PDB file of N, CA and C in Angstrom:
ATOM      1  N   UNK A   1       7.117  -9.694   6.868  1.00  0.00           N
ATOM      2  CA  UNK A   1       7.115  -8.317   6.424  1.00  0.00           C
ATOM      3  C   UNK A   1       5.837  -7.648   6.924  1.00  0.00           C
ATOM      4  N   UNK A   2       5.886  -6.356   6.949  1.00  0.00           N
ATOM      5  CA  UNK A   2       4.729  -5.622   7.414  1.00  0.00           C
ATOM      6  C   UNK A   2       4.692  -5.605   8.927  1.00  0.00           C
ATOM      7  N   UNK A   3       3.639  -5.082   9.424  1.00  0.00           N
ATOM      8  CA  UNK A   3       3.476  -4.991  10.863  1.00  0.00           C
ATOM      9  C   UNK A   3       3.517  -3.544  11.305  1.00  0.00           C
ATOM     10  N   UNK A   4       3.056  -3.322  12.519  1.00  0.00           N
ATOM     11  CA  UNK A   4       3.003  -1.956  13.017  1.00  0.00           C
ATOM     12  C   UNK A   4       4.391  -1.409  13.314  1.00  0.00           C
ATOM     13  N   UNK A   5       4.514  -0.097  13.176  1.00  0.00           N
ATOM     14  CA  UNK A   5       5.752   0.564  13.549  1.00  0.00           C
ATOM     15  C   UNK A   5       5.829   0.700  15.056  1.00  0.00           C
ATOM     16  N   UNK A   6       7.040   0.734  15.572  1.00  0.00           N
ATOM     17  CA  UNK A   6       7.264   0.934  16.999  1.00  0.00           C
ATOM     18  C   UNK A   6       7.855   2.327  17.173  1.00  0.00           C
ATOM     19  N   UNK A   7       7.136   3.150  17.924  1.00  0.00           N
ATOM     20  CA  UNK A   7       7.559   4.524  18.157  1.00  0.00           C
ATOM     21  C   UNK A   7       7.686   4.723  19.657  1.00  0.00           C
ATOM     22  N   UNK A   8       8.857   5.093  20.113  1.00  0.00           N
ATOM     23  CA  UNK A   8       9.129   5.264  21.543  1.00  0.00           C
ATOM     24  C   UNK A   8       8.732   4.027  22.336  1.00  0.00           C
ATOM     25  N   UNK A   9       9.002   2.847  21.780  1.00  0.00           N
ATOM     26  CA  UNK A   9       8.743   1.588  22.473  1.00  0.00           C
ATOM     27  C   UNK A   9       7.305   1.107  22.420  1.00  0.00           C
ATOM     28  N   UNK A  10       6.439   1.819  21.721  1.00  0.00           N
ATOM     29  CA  UNK A  10       5.022   1.446  21.643  1.00  0.00           C
ATOM     30  C   UNK A  10       4.651   1.113  20.206  1.00  0.00           C
ATOM     31  N   UNK A  11       3.974  -0.040  20.036  1.00  0.00           N
ATOM     32  CA  UNK A  11       3.487  -0.402  18.698  1.00  0.00           C
ATOM     33  C   UNK A  11       2.311   0.482  18.319  1.00  0.00           C
ATOM     34  N   UNK A  12       2.292   0.902  17.063  1.00  0.00           N
ATOM     35  CA  UNK A  12       1.203   1.721  16.534  1.00  0.00           C
ATOM     36  C   UNK A  12       0.613   1.005  15.326  1.00  0.00           C
ATOM     37  N   UNK A  13      -0.485   0.248  15.519  1.00  0.00           N
ATOM     38  CA  UNK A  13      -1.061  -0.546  14.431  1.00  0.00           C
ATOM     39  C   UNK A  13      -1.467   0.285  13.221  1.00  0.00           C
ATOM     40  N   UNK A  14      -1.764   1.550  13.414  1.00  0.00           N
ATOM     41  CA  UNK A  14      -2.183   2.405  12.301  1.00  0.00           C
ATOM     42  C   UNK A  14      -1.049   2.635  11.297  1.00  0.00           C
ATOM     43  N   UNK A  15       0.189   2.372  11.699  1.00  0.00           N
ATOM     44  CA  UNK A  15       1.317   2.556  10.786  1.00  0.00           C
ATOM     45  C   UNK A  15       1.553   1.345   9.886  1.00  0.00           C
ATOM     46  N   UNK A  16       0.843   0.263  10.126  1.00  0.00           N
ATOM     47  CA  UNK A  16       1.012  -0.963   9.336  1.00  0.00           C
ATOM     48  C   UNK A  16       0.466  -0.748   7.923  1.00  0.00           C
ATOM     49  N   UNK A  17       1.291  -0.957   6.919  1.00  0.00           N
ATOM     50  CA  UNK A  17       0.843  -0.798   5.527  1.00  0.00           C
ATOM     51  C   UNK A  17      -0.207  -1.823   5.134  1.00  0.00           C
ATOM     52  N   UNK A  18      -0.288  -2.923   5.878  1.00  0.00           N
ATOM     53  CA  UNK A  18      -1.270  -3.971   5.590  1.00  0.00           C
ATOM     54  C   UNK A  18      -2.626  -3.686   6.245  1.00  0.00           C
ATOM     55  N   UNK A  19      -2.710  -2.621   7.030  1.00  0.00           N
ATOM     56  CA  UNK A  19      -3.955  -2.279   7.716  1.00  0.00           C
ATOM     57  C   UNK A  19      -5.076  -2.100   6.700  1.00  0.00           C
ATOM     58  N   UNK A  20      -6.142  -2.897   6.804  1.00  0.00           N
ATOM     59  CA  UNK A  20      -7.254  -2.730   5.861  1.00  0.00           C
ATOM     60  C   UNK A  20      -7.912  -1.358   6.032  1.00  0.00           C
ATOM     61  N   UNK A  21      -7.933  -0.596   4.972  1.00  0.00           N
ATOM     62  CA  UNK A  21      -8.603   0.700   4.954  1.00  0.00           C
ATOM     63  C   UNK A  21      -8.706   1.130   3.499  1.00  0.00           C
ATOM     64  N   UNK A  22      -9.777   1.804   3.189  1.00  0.00           N
ATOM     65  CA  UNK A  22      -9.957   2.252   1.802  1.00  0.00           C
ATOM     66  C   UNK A  22      -9.220   3.551   1.558  1.00  0.00           C
ATOM     67  N   UNK A  23      -8.580   3.634   0.398  1.00  0.00           N
ATOM     68  CA  UNK A  23      -8.002   4.891  -0.039  1.00  0.00           C
ATOM     69  C   UNK A  23      -8.151   4.969  -1.546  1.00  0.00           C
ATOM     70  N   UNK A  24      -8.363   6.171  -2.025  1.00  0.00           N
ATOM     71  CA  UNK A  24      -8.562   6.394  -3.456  1.00  0.00           C
ATOM     72  C   UNK A  24      -7.433   7.284  -3.960  1.00  0.00           C
ATOM     73  N   UNK A  25      -6.735   6.795  -4.970  1.00  0.00           N
ATOM     74  CA  UNK A  25      -5.662   7.555  -5.608  1.00  0.00           C
ATOM     75  C   UNK A  25      -5.881   7.476  -7.109  1.00  0.00           C
ATOM     76  N   UNK A  26      -5.920   8.622  -7.747  1.00  0.00           N
ATOM     77  CA  UNK A  26      -6.130   8.708  -9.195  1.00  0.00           C
ATOM     78  C   UNK A  26      -7.397   7.962  -9.632  1.00  0.00           C
ATOM     79  N   UNK A  27      -8.448   8.063  -8.801  1.00  0.00           N
ATOM     80  CA  UNK A  27      -9.739   7.468  -9.137  1.00  0.00           C
ATOM     81  C   UNK A  27      -9.835   5.966  -8.919  1.00  0.00           C
ATOM     82  N   UNK A  28      -8.796   5.342  -8.368  1.00  0.00           N
ATOM     83  CA  UNK A  28      -8.793   3.898  -8.120  1.00  0.00           C
ATOM     84  C   UNK A  28      -8.864   3.666  -6.621  1.00  0.00           C
ATOM     85  N   UNK A  29      -9.755   2.768  -6.185  1.00  0.00           N
ATOM     86  CA  UNK A  29      -9.909   2.449  -4.776  1.00  0.00           C
ATOM     87  C   UNK A  29      -9.025   1.263  -4.417  1.00  0.00           C
ATOM     88  N   UNK A  30      -8.226   1.442  -3.375  1.00  0.00           N
ATOM     89  CA  UNK A  30      -7.318   0.408  -2.876  1.00  0.00           C
ATOM     90  C   UNK A  30      -7.784  -0.038  -1.496  1.00  0.00           C
ATOM     91  N   UNK A  31      -7.471  -1.279  -1.122  1.00  0.00           N
ATOM     92  CA  UNK A  31      -7.898  -1.850   0.148  1.00  0.00           C
ATOM     93  C   UNK A  31      -6.903  -1.614   1.276  1.00  0.00           C
ATOM     94  N   UNK A  32      -5.723  -1.113   0.943  1.00  0.00           N
ATOM     95  CA  UNK A  32      -4.699  -0.773   1.936  1.00  0.00           C
ATOM     96  C   UNK A  32      -3.605   0.015   1.226  1.00  0.00           C
ATOM     97  N   UNK A  33      -2.747   0.651   2.007  1.00  0.00           N
ATOM     98  CA  UNK A  33      -1.631   1.356   1.373  1.00  0.00           C
ATOM     99  C   UNK A  33      -0.667   0.359   0.730  1.00  0.00           C
ATOM    100  N   UNK A  34      -0.600  -0.862   1.247  1.00  0.00           N
ATOM    101  CA  UNK A  34       0.243  -1.891   0.631  1.00  0.00           C
ATOM    102  C   UNK A  34      -0.295  -2.298  -0.735  1.00  0.00           C
ATOM    103  N   UNK A  35      -1.620  -2.390  -0.869  1.00  0.00           N
ATOM    104  CA  UNK A  35      -2.201  -2.700  -2.177  1.00  0.00           C
ATOM    105  C   UNK A  35      -1.803  -1.625  -3.198  1.00  0.00           C
ATOM    106  N   UNK A  36      -1.882  -0.366  -2.785  1.00  0.00           N
ATOM    107  CA  UNK A  36      -1.471   0.715  -3.683  1.00  0.00           C
ATOM    108  C   UNK A  36       0.001   0.561  -4.060  1.00  0.00           C
ATOM    109  N   UNK A  37       0.845   0.375  -3.060  1.00  0.00           N
ATOM    110  CA  UNK A  37       2.286   0.264  -3.286  1.00  0.00           C
ATOM    111  C   UNK A  37       2.615  -0.877  -4.244  1.00  0.00           C
ATOM    112  N   UNK A  38       2.017  -2.035  -4.022  1.00  0.00           N
ATOM    113  CA  UNK A  38       2.295  -3.186  -4.883  1.00  0.00           C
ATOM    114  C   UNK A  38       1.791  -2.932  -6.309  1.00  0.00           C
ATOM    115  N   UNK A  39       0.662  -2.260  -6.440  1.00  0.00           N
ATOM    116  CA  UNK A  39       0.126  -1.954  -7.779  1.00  0.00           C
ATOM    117  C   UNK A  39       1.043  -1.027  -8.566  1.00  0.00           C
ATOM    118  N   UNK A  40       1.747  -0.147  -7.875  1.00  0.00           N
ATOM    119  CA  UNK A  40       2.599   0.801  -8.589  1.00  0.00           C
ATOM    120  C   UNK A  40       3.870   0.163  -9.135  1.00  0.00           C
ATOM    121  N   UNK A  41       4.133  -1.085  -8.774  1.00  0.00           N
ATOM    122  CA  UNK A  41       5.347  -1.774  -9.233  1.00  0.00           C
ATOM    123  C   UNK A  41       5.340  -2.093 -10.721  1.00  0.00           C
ATOM    124  N   UNK A  42       4.173  -2.231 -11.301  1.00  0.00           N
ATOM    125  CA  UNK A  42       4.086  -2.794 -12.645  1.00  0.00           C
ATOM    126  C   UNK A  42       3.314  -1.886 -13.593  1.00  0.00           C
ATOM    127  N   UNK A  43       3.582  -2.018 -14.859  1.00  0.00           N
ATOM    128  CA  UNK A  43       2.812  -1.306 -15.876  1.00  0.00           C
ATOM    129  C   UNK A  43       1.824  -2.247 -16.560  1.00  0.00           C
ATOM    130  N   UNK A  44       1.828  -3.513 -16.174  1.00  0.00           N
ATOM    131  CA  UNK A  44       0.951  -4.519 -16.769  1.00  0.00           C
ATOM    132  C   UNK A  44      -0.426  -4.458 -16.103  1.00  0.00           C
ATOM    133  N   UNK A  45      -1.449  -4.155 -16.882  1.00  0.00           N
ATOM    134  CA  UNK A  45      -2.806  -3.977 -16.344  1.00  0.00           C
ATOM    135  C   UNK A  45      -3.333  -5.242 -15.664  1.00  0.00           C
ATOM    136  N   UNK A  46      -3.071  -6.414 -16.216  1.00  0.00           N
ATOM    137  CA  UNK A  46      -3.540  -7.665 -15.602  1.00  0.00           C
ATOM    138  C   UNK A  46      -2.877  -7.894 -14.249  1.00  0.00           C
ATOM    139  N   UNK A  47      -1.588  -7.592 -14.153  1.00  0.00           N
ATOM    140  CA  UNK A  47      -0.894  -7.721 -12.871  1.00  0.00           C
ATOM    141  C   UNK A  47      -1.475  -6.754 -11.847  1.00  0.00           C
ATOM    142  N   UNK A  48      -1.736  -5.520 -12.272  1.00  0.00           N
ATOM    143  CA  UNK A  48      -2.324  -4.534 -11.352  1.00  0.00           C
ATOM    144  C   UNK A  48      -3.689  -4.991 -10.853  1.00  0.00           C
ATOM    145  N   UNK A  49      -4.503  -5.533 -11.738  1.00  0.00           N
ATOM    146  CA  UNK A  49      -5.831  -6.015 -11.332  1.00  0.00           C
ATOM    147  C   UNK A  49      -5.718  -7.143 -10.315  1.00  0.00           C
ATOM    148  N   UNK A  50      -4.755  -8.051 -10.514  1.00  0.00           N
ATOM    149  CA  UNK A  50      -4.557  -9.153  -9.578  1.00  0.00           C
ATOM    150  C   UNK A  50      -4.207  -8.610  -8.189  1.00  0.00           C
ATOM    151  N   UNK A  51      -3.309  -7.649  -8.144  1.00  0.00           N
ATOM    152  CA  UNK A  51      -2.906  -7.064  -6.865  1.00  0.00           C
ATOM    153  C   UNK A  51      -4.049  -6.254  -6.267  1.00  0.00           C
ATOM    154  N   UNK A  52      -4.709  -5.468  -7.089  1.00  0.00           N
ATOM    155  CA  UNK A  52      -5.802  -4.618  -6.630  1.00  0.00           C
ATOM    156  C   UNK A  52      -6.891  -5.439  -5.953  1.00  0.00           C
ATOM    157  N   UNK A  53      -7.144  -6.630  -6.457  1.00  0.00           N
ATOM    158  CA  UNK A  53      -8.205  -7.482  -5.925  1.00  0.00           C
ATOM    159  C   UNK A  53      -7.736  -8.439  -4.839  1.00  0.00           C
ATOM    160  N   UNK A  54      -6.465  -8.377  -4.460  1.00  0.00           N
ATOM    161  CA  UNK A  54      -5.944  -9.212  -3.377  1.00  0.00           C
ATOM    162  C   UNK A  54      -6.341  -8.611  -2.037  1.00  0.00           C
ATOM    163  N   UNK A  55      -6.579  -9.479  -1.064  1.00  0.00           N
ATOM    164  CA  UNK A  55      -6.854  -9.007   0.292  1.00  0.00           C
ATOM    165  C   UNK A  55      -5.616  -8.296   0.828  1.00  0.00           C
ATOM    166  N   UNK A  56      -5.813  -7.268   1.666  1.00  0.00           N
ATOM    167  CA  UNK A  56      -4.650  -6.623   2.273  1.00  0.00           C
ATOM    168  C   UNK A  56      -3.849  -7.648   3.079  1.00  0.00           C
ATOM    169  N   UNK A  57      -2.568  -7.460   3.147  1.00  0.00           N
ATOM    170  CA  UNK A  57      -1.719  -8.357   3.924  1.00  0.00           C
ATOM    171  C   UNK A  57      -0.854  -9.225   3.043  1.00  0.00           C
ATOM    172  N   UNK A  58      -0.599 -10.425   3.533  1.00  0.00           N
ATOM    173  CA  UNK A  58       0.336 -11.320   2.855  1.00  0.00           C
ATOM    174  C   UNK A  58      -0.075 -11.633   1.426  1.00  0.00           C
ATOM    175  N   UNK A  59      -1.366 -11.817   1.168  1.00  0.00           N
ATOM    176  CA  UNK A  59      -1.819 -12.146  -0.193  1.00  0.00           C
ATOM    177  C   UNK A  59      -1.450 -11.031  -1.161  1.00  0.00           C
ATOM    178  N   UNK A  60      -1.623  -9.814  -0.729  1.00  0.00           N
ATOM    179  CA  UNK A  60      -1.275  -8.660  -1.563  1.00  0.00           C
ATOM    180  C   UNK A  60       0.228  -8.613  -1.803  1.00  0.00           C
ATOM    181  N   UNK A  61       1.002  -8.804  -0.750  1.00  0.00           N
ATOM    182  CA  UNK A  61       2.455  -8.756  -0.890  1.00  0.00           C
ATOM    183  C   UNK A  61       2.950  -9.878  -1.799  1.00  0.00           C
ATOM    184  N   UNK A  62       2.411 -11.080  -1.632  1.00  0.00           N
ATOM    185  CA  UNK A  62       2.812 -12.203  -2.481  1.00  0.00           C
ATOM    186  C   UNK A  62       2.463 -11.938  -3.940  1.00  0.00           C
ATOM    187  N   UNK A  63       1.291 -11.361  -4.174  1.00  0.00           N
ATOM    188  CA  UNK A  63       0.902 -11.028  -5.548  1.00  0.00           C
ATOM    189  C   UNK A  63       1.899 -10.040  -6.144  1.00  0.00           C
ATOM    190  N   UNK A  64       2.310  -9.063  -5.355  1.00  0.00           N
ATOM    191  CA  UNK A  64       3.265  -8.071  -5.826  1.00  0.00           C
ATOM    192  C   UNK A  64       4.631  -8.656  -6.143  1.00  0.00           C
ATOM    193  N   UNK A  65       4.962  -9.783  -5.509  1.00  0.00           N
ATOM    194  CA  UNK A  65       6.257 -10.422  -5.752  1.00  0.00           C
ATOM    195  C   UNK A  65       6.275 -11.226  -7.042  1.00  0.00           C
ATOM    196  N   UNK A  66       5.121 -11.446  -7.643  1.00  0.00           N
ATOM    197  CA  UNK A  66       5.060 -12.274  -8.852  1.00  0.00           C
ATOM    198  C   UNK A  66       5.040 -11.455 -10.136  1.00  0.00           C
ATOM    199  N   UNK A  67       5.000 -10.140 -10.018  1.00  0.00           N
ATOM    200  CA  UNK A  67       4.865  -9.296 -11.215  1.00  0.00           C
ATOM    201  C   UNK A  67       6.222  -8.798 -11.699  1.00  0.00           C
ATOM    202  N   UNK A  68       6.268  -8.446 -12.974  1.00  0.00           N
ATOM    203  CA  UNK A  68       7.463  -7.813 -13.521  1.00  0.00           C
ATOM    204  C   UNK A  68       7.518  -6.364 -13.073  1.00  0.00           C
ATOM    205  N   UNK A  69       8.680  -5.927 -12.648  1.00  0.00           N
ATOM    206  CA  UNK A  69       8.832  -4.559 -12.154  1.00  0.00           C
ATOM    207  C   UNK A  69       8.994  -3.566 -13.290  1.00  0.00           C
ATOM    208  N   UNK A  70       8.410  -2.400 -13.115  1.00  0.00           N
ATOM    209  CA  UNK A  70       8.606  -1.327 -14.084  1.00  0.00           C
ATOM    210  C   UNK A  70      10.069  -0.890 -14.040  1.00  0.00           C
ATOM    211  N   UNK A  71      10.558  -0.359 -15.116  1.00  0.00           N
ATOM    212  CA  UNK A  71      11.991  -0.067 -15.254  1.00  0.00           C
ATOM    213  C   UNK A  71      12.494   0.990 -14.264  1.00  0.00           C
ATOM    214  N   UNK A  72      11.628   1.901 -13.841  1.00  0.00           N
ATOM    215  CA  UNK A  72      12.047   2.969 -12.932  1.00  0.00           C
ATOM    216  C   UNK A  72      11.673   2.703 -11.473  1.00  0.00           C
ATOM    217  N   UNK A  73      11.353   1.459 -11.146  1.00  0.00           N
ATOM    218  CA  UNK A  73      10.829   1.113  -9.828  1.00  0.00           C
ATOM    219  C   UNK A  73      11.735   1.590  -8.695  1.00  0.00           C
ATOM    220  N   UNK A  74      13.018   1.325  -8.785  1.00  0.00           N
ATOM    221  CA  UNK A  74      13.916   1.685  -7.679  1.00  0.00           C
ATOM    222  C   UNK A  74      13.921   3.185  -7.406  1.00  0.00           C
ATOM    223  N   UNK A  75      13.733   3.977  -8.425  1.00  0.00           N
ATOM    224  CA  UNK A  75      13.785   5.430  -8.239  1.00  0.00           C
ATOM    225  C   UNK A  75      12.458   6.026  -7.768  1.00  0.00           C
ATOM    226  N   UNK A  76      11.356   5.292  -7.883  1.00  0.00           N
ATOM    227  CA  UNK A  76      10.050   5.860  -7.503  1.00  0.00           C
ATOM    228  C   UNK A  76       9.410   5.191  -6.297  1.00  0.00           C
ATOM    229  N   UNK A  77       9.928   4.052  -5.853  1.00  0.00           N
ATOM    230  CA  UNK A  77       9.214   3.275  -4.836  1.00  0.00           C
ATOM    231  C   UNK A  77       9.035   4.020  -3.511  1.00  0.00           C
ATOM    232  N   UNK A  78      10.010   4.793  -3.082  1.00  0.00           N
ATOM    233  CA  UNK A  78       9.859   5.534  -1.822  1.00  0.00           C
ATOM    234  C   UNK A  78       8.771   6.597  -1.939  1.00  0.00           C
ATOM    235  N   UNK A  79       8.739   7.298  -3.059  1.00  0.00           N
ATOM    236  CA  UNK A  79       7.692   8.302  -3.279  1.00  0.00           C
ATOM    237  C   UNK A  79       6.312   7.653  -3.319  1.00  0.00           C
ATOM    238  N   UNK A  80       6.217   6.472  -3.933  1.00  0.00           N
ATOM    239  CA  UNK A  80       4.931   5.779  -4.001  1.00  0.00           C
ATOM    240  C   UNK A  80       4.478   5.310  -2.620  1.00  0.00           C
ATOM    241  N   UNK A  81       5.409   4.839  -1.792  1.00  0.00           N
ATOM    242  CA  UNK A  81       5.052   4.429  -0.433  1.00  0.00           C
ATOM    243  C   UNK A  81       4.551   5.633   0.353  1.00  0.00           C
ATOM    244  N   UNK A  82       5.223   6.765   0.210  1.00  0.00           N
ATOM    245  CA  UNK A  82       4.799   7.988   0.885  1.00  0.00           C
ATOM    246  C   UNK A  82       3.403   8.401   0.419  1.00  0.00           C
ATOM    247  N   UNK A  83       3.180   8.396  -0.884  1.00  0.00           N
ATOM    248  CA  UNK A  83       1.887   8.803  -1.450  1.00  0.00           C
ATOM    249  C   UNK A  83       0.761   7.915  -0.930  1.00  0.00           C
ATOM    250  N   UNK A  84       0.986   6.613  -0.867  1.00  0.00           N
ATOM    251  CA  UNK A  84      -0.030   5.688  -0.367  1.00  0.00           C
ATOM    252  C   UNK A  84      -0.340   5.908   1.103  1.00  0.00           C
ATOM    253  N   UNK A  85       0.688   6.113   1.905  1.00  0.00           N
ATOM    254  CA  UNK A  85       0.459   6.329   3.331  1.00  0.00           C
ATOM    255  C   UNK A  85      -0.153   7.689   3.611  1.00  0.00           C
ATOM    256  N   UNK A  86       0.235   8.694   2.860  1.00  0.00           N
ATOM    257  CA  UNK A  86      -0.382  10.009   3.015  1.00  0.00           C
ATOM    258  C   UNK A  86      -1.879   9.920   2.730  1.00  0.00           C
ATOM    259  N   UNK A  87      -2.244   9.242   1.657  1.00  0.00           N
ATOM    260  CA  UNK A  87      -3.663   9.069   1.319  1.00  0.00           C
ATOM    261  C   UNK A  87      -4.388   8.283   2.406  1.00  0.00           C
ATOM    262  N   UNK A  88      -3.742   7.257   2.939  1.00  0.00           N
ATOM    263  CA  UNK A  88      -4.358   6.442   3.997  1.00  0.00           C
ATOM    264  C   UNK A  88      -4.750   7.321   5.177  1.00  0.00           C
ATOM    265  N   UNK A  89      -3.843   8.171   5.628  1.00  0.00           N
ATOM    266  CA  UNK A  89      -4.120   9.000   6.799  1.00  0.00           C
ATOM    267  C   UNK A  89      -5.036  10.181   6.470  1.00  0.00           C
ATOM    268  N   UNK A  90      -4.931  10.749   5.293  1.00  0.00           N
ATOM    269  CA  UNK A  90      -5.787  11.882   4.936  1.00  0.00           C
ATOM    270  C   UNK A  90      -7.228  11.463   4.687  1.00  0.00           C
ATOM    271  N   UNK A  91      -7.449  10.261   4.162  1.00  0.00           N
ATOM    272  CA  UNK A  91      -8.780   9.853   3.718  1.00  0.00           C
ATOM    273  C   UNK A  91      -9.550   9.014   4.728  1.00  0.00           C
ATOM    274  N   UNK A  92      -8.941   8.654   5.834  1.00  0.00           N
ATOM    275  CA  UNK A  92      -9.615   7.833   6.836  1.00  0.00           C
ATOM    276  C   UNK A  92      -9.677   8.605   8.146  1.00  0.00           C
ATOM    277  N   UNK A  93     -10.887   9.033   8.492  1.00  0.00           N
ATOM    278  CA  UNK A  93     -11.070   9.929   9.630  1.00  0.00           C
ATOM    279  C   UNK A  93     -10.491   9.369  10.920  1.00  0.00           C
ATOM    280  N   UNK A  94     -10.678   8.065  11.167  1.00  0.00           N
ATOM    281  CA  UNK A  94     -10.163   7.480  12.403  1.00  0.00           C
ATOM    282  C   UNK A  94      -8.636   7.552  12.465  1.00  0.00           C
ATOM    283  N   UNK A  95      -7.976   7.466  11.329  1.00  0.00           N
ATOM    284  CA  UNK A  95      -6.516   7.575  11.295  1.00  0.00           C
ATOM    285  C   UNK A  95      -6.071   9.032  11.314  1.00  0.00           C
ATOM    286  N   UNK A  96      -6.857   9.893  10.734  1.00  0.00           N
ATOM    287  CA  UNK A  96      -6.528  11.320  10.664  1.00  0.00           C
ATOM    288  C   UNK A  96      -6.485  11.937  12.063  1.00  0.00           C
ATOM    289  N   UNK A  97      -7.240  11.376  13.003  1.00  0.00           N
ATOM    290  CA  UNK A  97      -7.307  11.910  14.364  1.00  0.00           C
ATOM    291  C   UNK A  97      -6.038  11.639  15.165  1.00  0.00           C
ATOM    292  N   UNK A  98      -5.217  10.734  14.690  1.00  0.00           N
ATOM    293  CA  UNK A  98      -4.027  10.346  15.462  1.00  0.00           C
ATOM    294  C   UNK A  98      -2.950  11.400  15.432  1.00  0.00           C
TER     295      UNK A  98
END
């Protein structure tokens, strides 16, 4: 899972949700857009802390697979992915230039 998106036959590493980069949403600092996305899955504070402190990439994704999902997850997950990626590109100057 994860990896860069391919646009017109070219890989774009900046589109990878596992790309390490800081983003702040609602006063919380995340290590990648994937960390944010996985944190939004649960309402359990201990589960969120475990995910929040996971390294970006597979460790973060695996942590997210071990938590109980919030009841409305299926209806909000696309919006949460969008919100995390929007913050990633808006808050990181090197990505904003693309």
